[in-house]
């Protein structure tokens, strides 16, 4: 299931390439025909992510809400601002540009005119006809198929089961396999967001910290479960859950109401930092203190950027103890029984 950084990146794609442009909406698969009819011809006015859900506002009257779930994906095609020397064939983003701000490990985040980074603003912006898939892939969230031929048909042919196609004069977005895809009113969207926990990139960060602290400290549920509860905190999934608990040296089974306040606050602040890195690089980078070459390796290979995730049976990078894999609420949990005691 997509974790928070990938959904924020998708929202930014829509913000850069669809907001302010009239769209043709259709449901080639047929399962969203009524919703597509409501959106057809409208102009998106705002794209927003909260945790694992994306919200696209149309004409201040209707919203499109999408939750990708385990198997959903957006495919973008057409004219998208992209530097092909930075967005490589597998969609990973280079860290060699000379403008932007430093990231841990000597990397560079490239910022657009809003101070944010997305696929549409890497390197020297230019328009190129491309195809990019944005979904949950632990080997790299943004899987790009690369540049499309200049004479490729437009609009691109429908391939497979496309729930929803949004099309401007220059850009196409195809949605496949989402858990949720719905057209809703502003009141319905507000109710959905009200049920979600705080997201570091939405609203006041300090207020979010207090909400998170209160939600964790009042419940006797294992912290490993609470971090995956989207009503407690938005956007954390399997990878970030395992890595944040290791970074805090916290046993996943510890009840939330006995985790010390300073540790809970530390978890929130760590999430603030990790989410920022994830949005800016497209990768769930959770290891600290990497030099330039180690950072580049970690950007290219998942096995080089995580402390415990996907390392069952391998020695802990800190103490050498074998990393344990267990199930917690039907989701895989990786942790070190020595460091996290």
Protein backbone atom coordinates (compact mmCIF):
# COMPACT_ATOMS: atom_id res chain seq x y z
CA UNK A 1 0.00 0.00 0.00
CA UNK A 2 1.40 3.43 -0.87
CA UNK A 3 2.95 5.24 2.05
CA UNK A 4 2.46 8.94 2.59
CA UNK A 5 5.35 10.30 0.58
CA UNK A 6 4.23 8.62 -2.66
CA UNK A 7 0.70 10.00 -2.39
CA UNK A 8 2.01 13.51 -1.81
CA UNK A 9 4.15 13.13 -4.92
CA UNK A 10 1.13 12.02 -6.94
CA UNK A 11 -0.85 15.02 -5.71
CA UNK A 12 1.98 17.29 -6.81
CA UNK A 13 1.91 15.70 -10.25
CA UNK A 14 -1.75 16.64 -10.53
CA UNK A 15 -1.07 20.10 -9.16
CA UNK A 16 1.58 20.79 -11.79
CA UNK A 17 -0.08 19.15 -14.80
CA UNK A 18 -3.86 19.20 -14.30
CA UNK A 19 -4.93 22.02 -11.97
CA UNK A 20 -6.35 24.90 -13.99
CA UNK A 21 -6.90 22.82 -17.13
CA UNK A 22 -10.24 21.44 -18.27
CA UNK A 23 -10.25 17.64 -18.30
CA UNK A 24 -12.08 14.99 -20.23
CA UNK A 25 -13.02 12.18 -17.83
CA UNK A 26 -14.06 8.67 -18.81
CA UNK A 27 -14.10 5.18 -17.35
CA UNK A 28 -12.82 2.77 -20.02
CA UNK A 29 -13.42 -0.13 -17.65
CA UNK A 30 -16.98 1.06 -17.05
CA UNK A 31 -16.95 0.69 -13.25
CA UNK A 32 -16.70 4.44 -12.68
CA UNK A 33 -18.83 5.66 -15.58
CA UNK A 34 -21.21 7.71 -13.45
CA UNK A 35 -18.43 9.40 -11.52
CA UNK A 36 -16.49 10.16 -14.70
CA UNK A 37 -19.60 11.74 -16.22
CA UNK A 38 -19.84 14.10 -13.25
CA UNK A 39 -16.21 15.19 -13.69
CA UNK A 40 -16.12 15.41 -17.49
CA UNK A 41 -15.42 18.94 -18.73
CA UNK A 42 -14.67 20.32 -15.28
CA UNK A 43 -11.48 22.15 -14.24
CA UNK A 44 -9.44 20.82 -11.29
CA UNK A 45 -8.69 23.65 -8.89
CA UNK A 46 -6.64 21.94 -6.18
CA UNK A 47 -4.83 18.67 -5.52
CA UNK A 48 -4.17 17.58 -1.95
CA UNK A 49 -2.86 14.49 -0.19
CA UNK A 50 -3.58 13.53 3.40
CA UNK A 51 -1.79 10.38 4.43
CA UNK A 52 -2.55 7.63 1.94
CA UNK A 53 -5.46 9.39 0.25
CA UNK A 54 -5.49 11.96 -2.55
CA UNK A 55 -8.18 14.58 -3.05
CA UNK A 56 -8.66 16.46 -6.32
CA UNK A 57 -11.05 19.42 -6.20
CA UNK A 58 -13.12 20.37 -9.24
CA UNK A 59 -14.70 23.81 -9.66
CA UNK A 60 -15.16 24.14 -5.88
CA UNK A 61 -18.20 21.87 -6.04
CA UNK A 62 -17.05 18.28 -6.32
CA UNK A 63 -14.02 16.32 -5.22
CA UNK A 64 -12.42 13.16 -6.53
CA UNK A 65 -11.13 10.97 -3.67
CA UNK A 66 -8.68 8.19 -4.50
CA UNK A 67 -7.14 5.59 -2.19
CA UNK A 68 -4.79 3.38 -4.19
CA UNK A 69 -4.71 0.52 -1.69
CA UNK A 70 -2.44 -2.44 -2.32
CA UNK A 71 -2.75 -2.64 -6.08
CA UNK A 72 -3.73 0.79 -7.34
CA UNK A 73 -1.56 2.93 -9.59
CA UNK A 74 -1.65 6.12 -11.62
CA UNK A 75 -0.08 6.09 -15.09
CA UNK A 76 0.86 9.52 -16.42
CA UNK A 77 1.57 10.08 -20.12
CA UNK A 78 2.05 13.02 -22.43
CA UNK A 79 3.72 16.34 -21.85
CA UNK A 80 5.17 16.47 -18.33
CA UNK A 81 7.91 18.79 -17.17
CA UNK A 82 10.83 16.43 -16.72
CA UNK A 83 14.56 16.29 -17.23
CA UNK A 84 15.23 12.76 -18.60
CA UNK A 85 18.84 12.86 -17.41
CA UNK A 86 17.60 13.13 -13.83
CA UNK A 87 14.48 10.96 -13.95
CA UNK A 88 16.06 7.72 -15.09
CA UNK A 89 14.36 4.82 -16.79
CA UNK A 90 13.20 3.34 -13.51
CA UNK A 91 11.87 6.64 -12.28
CA UNK A 92 14.47 7.23 -9.59
CA UNK A 93 15.65 10.75 -9.17
CA UNK A 94 19.28 11.76 -9.47
CA UNK A 95 20.93 13.69 -6.67
CA UNK A 96 23.60 15.41 -8.73
CA UNK A 97 22.00 18.72 -9.66
CA UNK A 98 23.63 21.87 -8.42
CA UNK A 99 20.55 23.83 -7.42
CA UNK A 100 18.35 23.02 -4.46
CA UNK A 101 19.00 22.27 -0.81
CA UNK A 102 21.21 19.65 0.72
CA UNK A 103 19.67 16.43 1.98
CA UNK A 104 21.25 14.01 4.44
CA UNK A 105 24.16 12.15 2.89
CA UNK A 106 25.11 14.92 0.51
CA UNK A 107 22.13 14.61 -1.82
CA UNK A 108 20.38 17.56 -3.35
CA UNK A 109 16.64 18.18 -3.42
CA UNK A 110 15.47 20.12 -6.45
CA UNK A 111 12.76 22.62 -5.66
CA UNK A 112 10.19 24.15 -7.95
CA UNK A 113 8.87 27.69 -7.69
CA UNK A 114 6.63 26.65 -4.79
CA UNK A 115 9.60 25.39 -2.83
CA UNK A 116 8.57 21.80 -3.41
CA UNK A 117 9.90 18.92 -5.45
CA UNK A 118 8.03 16.68 -7.83
CA UNK A 119 8.74 14.79 -11.00
CA UNK A 120 7.67 17.86 -12.95
CA UNK A 121 10.42 20.08 -11.60
CA UNK A 122 13.63 18.05 -11.53
CA UNK A 123 16.62 19.68 -13.16
CA UNK A 124 16.09 22.27 -15.86
CA UNK A 125 12.35 22.05 -16.51
CA UNK A 126 11.28 21.27 -20.04
CA UNK A 127 8.37 19.49 -21.59
CA UNK A 128 8.93 15.99 -22.85
CA UNK A 129 6.54 13.28 -23.93
CA UNK A 130 6.91 10.62 -21.27
CA UNK A 131 5.20 7.75 -19.53
CA UNK A 132 5.43 7.52 -15.74
CA UNK A 133 3.80 5.07 -13.35
CA UNK A 134 3.26 6.22 -9.79
CA UNK A 135 2.28 3.47 -7.38
CA UNK A 136 3.66 1.52 -4.46
CA UNK A 137 6.88 -0.27 -5.37
CA UNK A 138 9.39 -0.77 -2.58
CA UNK A 139 12.15 -0.81 -5.19
CA UNK A 140 11.23 2.75 -6.16
CA UNK A 141 7.91 4.49 -5.80
CA UNK A 142 7.93 6.17 -9.19
CA UNK A 143 8.35 3.58 -11.93
CA UNK A 144 8.95 5.43 -15.19
CA UNK A 145 8.93 3.67 -18.53
CA UNK A 146 10.92 6.52 -20.01
CA UNK A 147 10.48 8.80 -22.97
CA UNK A 148 7.71 8.00 -25.42
CA UNK A 149 8.33 8.40 -29.16
CA UNK A 150 7.48 11.83 -30.52
CA UNK A 151 5.06 10.22 -32.97
CA UNK A 152 3.29 8.16 -30.29
CA UNK A 153 -0.51 8.25 -30.72
CA UNK A 154 -2.46 10.81 -28.73
CA UNK A 155 -4.32 10.20 -26.61
CA UNK A 156 -2.47 7.01 -25.72
CA UNK A 157 -4.39 3.78 -26.23
CA UNK A 158 -6.14 2.33 -23.20
CA UNK A 159 -4.23 -0.68 -21.89
CA UNK A 160 -5.75 -3.06 -19.36
CA UNK A 161 -8.42 -2.24 -16.81
CA UNK A 162 -8.47 1.55 -16.46
CA UNK A 163 -10.97 2.67 -13.82
CA UNK A 164 -10.65 6.37 -14.63
CA UNK A 165 -8.90 8.36 -17.34
CA UNK A 166 -8.34 12.10 -16.89
CA UNK A 167 -7.17 13.83 -20.05
CA UNK A 168 -6.12 17.39 -20.85
CA UNK A 169 -4.89 18.60 -24.23
CA UNK A 170 -1.38 17.50 -23.33
CA UNK A 171 -1.40 15.14 -20.34
CA UNK A 172 -3.15 11.86 -19.55
CA UNK A 173 -3.61 10.12 -16.18
CA UNK A 174 -4.97 6.57 -16.02
CA UNK A 175 -6.07 5.08 -12.70
CA UNK A 176 -5.96 1.32 -12.23
CA UNK A 177 -7.03 -0.94 -9.39
CA UNK A 178 -7.73 1.54 -6.57
CA UNK A 179 -9.31 0.54 -3.29
CA UNK A 180 -11.44 3.70 -3.38
CA UNK A 181 -12.39 6.03 -6.21
CA UNK A 182 -15.33 8.31 -5.50
CA UNK A 183 -16.80 11.69 -6.39
CA UNK A 184 -17.84 13.44 -3.20
CA UNK A 185 -19.13 16.75 -1.91
CA UNK A 186 -17.02 19.17 0.15
CA UNK A 187 -18.83 18.07 3.32
CA UNK A 188 -18.14 14.40 2.60
CA UNK A 189 -14.47 15.13 1.97
CA UNK A 190 -14.24 17.14 5.19
CA UNK A 191 -15.71 14.19 7.09
CA UNK A 192 -13.14 11.81 5.59
CA UNK A 193 -10.23 14.10 6.47
CA UNK A 194 -11.58 14.62 10.00
CA UNK A 195 -11.27 10.87 10.61
CA UNK A 196 -7.61 10.85 9.60
CA UNK A 197 -4.72 11.38 11.95
CA UNK A 198 -2.25 14.25 11.54
CA UNK A 199 -0.05 14.48 8.44
CA UNK A 200 3.21 16.47 8.83
CA UNK A 201 2.66 18.09 5.43
CA UNK A 202 -0.90 19.18 6.17
CA UNK A 203 -1.70 21.80 8.76
CA UNK A 204 0.43 22.94 11.68
CA UNK A 205 3.27 20.55 12.54
CA UNK A 206 3.27 21.42 16.25
CA UNK A 207 -0.48 20.88 16.48
CA UNK A 208 -0.04 17.57 14.68
CA UNK A 209 2.52 16.51 17.26
CA UNK A 210 0.09 17.17 20.10
CA UNK A 211 -2.67 15.22 18.34
CA UNK A 212 -0.31 12.30 17.76
CA UNK A 213 0.92 12.34 21.36
CA UNK A 214 -2.64 12.34 22.70
CA UNK A 215 -3.78 9.53 20.39
CA UNK A 216 -0.86 7.26 21.31
CA UNK A 217 -0.71 7.93 25.05
CA UNK A 218 -4.37 7.26 25.71
CA UNK A 219 -4.42 3.76 24.23
CA UNK A 220 -3.07 0.49 25.56
CA UNK A 221 -2.54 -0.85 22.04
CA UNK A 222 0.88 -1.94 20.76
CA UNK A 223 2.81 0.96 19.29
CA UNK A 224 3.47 -1.17 16.20
CA UNK A 225 -0.28 -1.22 15.59
CA UNK A 226 -0.84 2.42 16.43
CA UNK A 227 1.67 3.65 13.87
CA UNK A 228 -0.30 1.84 11.15
CA UNK A 229 -3.64 3.22 12.37
CA UNK A 230 -4.51 6.06 9.99
CA UNK A 231 -6.73 7.66 12.62
CA UNK A 232 -3.67 8.02 14.87
CA UNK A 233 -1.19 9.28 12.27
CA UNK A 234 -1.54 9.58 8.52
CA UNK A 235 0.71 8.05 5.90
CA UNK A 236 2.83 5.49 7.77
CA UNK A 237 2.90 2.02 6.25
CA UNK A 238 4.90 -1.17 6.69
CA UNK A 239 8.30 0.23 5.72
CA UNK A 240 8.19 3.43 7.72
CA UNK A 241 6.63 1.64 10.70
CA UNK A 242 9.48 -0.88 10.97
CA UNK A 243 12.18 1.70 10.37
CA UNK A 244 10.83 4.32 12.76
CA UNK A 245 10.49 1.79 15.58
CA UNK A 246 14.06 0.64 15.04
CA UNK A 247 15.38 4.20 14.89
CA UNK A 248 13.63 4.83 18.22
CA UNK A 249 14.96 1.51 19.62
CA UNK A 250 11.38 0.73 20.61
CA UNK A 251 9.83 -2.71 21.03
CA UNK A 252 6.87 -2.86 18.60
CA UNK A 253 4.73 -4.59 21.24
CA UNK A 254 5.01 -1.78 23.81
CA UNK A 255 1.54 -0.40 24.65
CA UNK A 256 1.13 3.20 23.55
CA UNK A 257 0.06 4.36 27.00
CA UNK A 258 3.38 3.32 28.53
CA UNK A 259 5.68 4.71 25.84
CA UNK A 260 7.42 7.73 27.43
CA UNK A 261 6.22 11.10 26.18
CA UNK A 262 9.65 12.04 24.87
CA UNK A 263 9.79 8.86 22.79
CA UNK A 264 6.35 9.53 21.29
CA UNK A 265 7.37 13.08 20.41
CA UNK A 266 10.57 11.69 18.91
CA UNK A 267 8.57 9.34 16.71
CA UNK A 268 6.49 12.23 15.36
CA UNK A 269 9.55 14.37 14.67
CA UNK A 270 11.25 11.46 12.97
CA UNK A 271 8.17 11.03 10.76
CA UNK A 272 8.31 14.73 9.87
CA UNK A 273 11.91 14.31 8.73
CA UNK A 274 11.51 10.99 6.93
CA UNK A 275 8.38 12.11 5.10
CA UNK A 276 10.17 15.20 3.80
CA UNK A 277 13.05 13.10 2.51
CA UNK A 278 10.65 10.63 0.92
CA UNK A 279 8.70 13.32 -0.90
CA UNK A 280 11.84 15.04 -2.15
CA UNK A 281 13.70 11.94 -3.32
CA UNK A 282 10.93 9.47 -4.12
CA UNK A 283 12.61 6.87 -1.91
CA UNK A 284 11.92 5.69 1.63
CA UNK A 285 15.41 6.56 2.87
CA UNK A 286 15.65 5.73 6.56
CA UNK A 287 19.39 5.39 7.21
CA UNK A 288 21.35 8.33 8.59
CA UNK A 289 24.95 9.40 8.24
CA UNK A 290 25.57 8.15 4.69
CA UNK A 291 28.34 9.82 2.71
CA UNK A 292 27.86 10.78 -0.93
CA UNK A 293 28.65 7.38 -2.45
CA UNK A 294 26.71 5.45 0.20
CA UNK A 295 23.76 7.82 -0.33
CA UNK A 296 23.81 7.17 -4.07
CA UNK A 297 23.91 3.41 -3.52
CA UNK A 298 21.01 3.65 -1.11
CA UNK A 299 19.00 5.68 -3.59
CA UNK A 300 19.51 2.93 -6.16
CA UNK A 301 18.98 -0.15 -3.97
CA UNK A 302 16.38 -0.73 -1.29
CA UNK A 303 18.70 -3.13 0.55
CA UNK A 304 21.13 -0.27 1.17
CA UNK A 305 18.67 2.23 2.60
CA UNK A 306 16.82 0.41 5.41
CA UNK A 307 17.86 -0.71 8.89
CA UNK A 308 15.52 -3.67 9.35
CA UNK A 309 12.80 -3.69 6.67
CA UNK A 310 12.97 -6.74 4.39
CA UNK A 311 16.01 -8.05 6.30
CA UNK A 312 14.46 -11.08 8.02
CA UNK A 313 17.16 -13.55 9.03
CA UNK A 314 19.99 -11.12 8.29
CA UNK A 315 22.20 -9.66 11.02
CA UNK A 316 21.19 -6.36 12.56
CA UNK A 317 23.35 -3.57 11.17
CA UNK A 318 24.02 -2.37 14.74
CA UNK A 319 24.29 -5.42 17.01
CA UNK A 320 24.44 -8.44 14.69
CA UNK A 321 21.30 -10.12 16.09
CA UNK A 322 19.14 -11.85 13.50
CA UNK A 323 16.29 -9.62 12.35
CA UNK A 324 12.91 -11.10 13.22
CA UNK A 325 9.90 -11.24 10.91
CA UNK A 326 6.45 -11.66 12.42
CA UNK A 327 2.89 -10.73 11.60
CA UNK A 328 1.12 -7.93 13.41
CA UNK A 329 -2.50 -7.49 12.36
CA UNK A 330 -1.86 -9.45 9.16
CA UNK A 331 1.02 -7.18 8.09
CA UNK A 332 4.71 -8.05 8.08
CA UNK A 333 6.76 -6.56 10.88
CA UNK A 334 10.57 -6.55 10.89
CA UNK A 335 12.48 -5.75 14.08
CA UNK A 336 15.63 -6.43 16.09
CA UNK A 337 14.90 -8.21 19.40
CA UNK A 338 18.16 -6.91 20.91
CA UNK A 339 18.24 -3.26 19.89
CA UNK A 340 14.50 -2.83 20.40
CA UNK A 341 14.28 -4.02 24.02
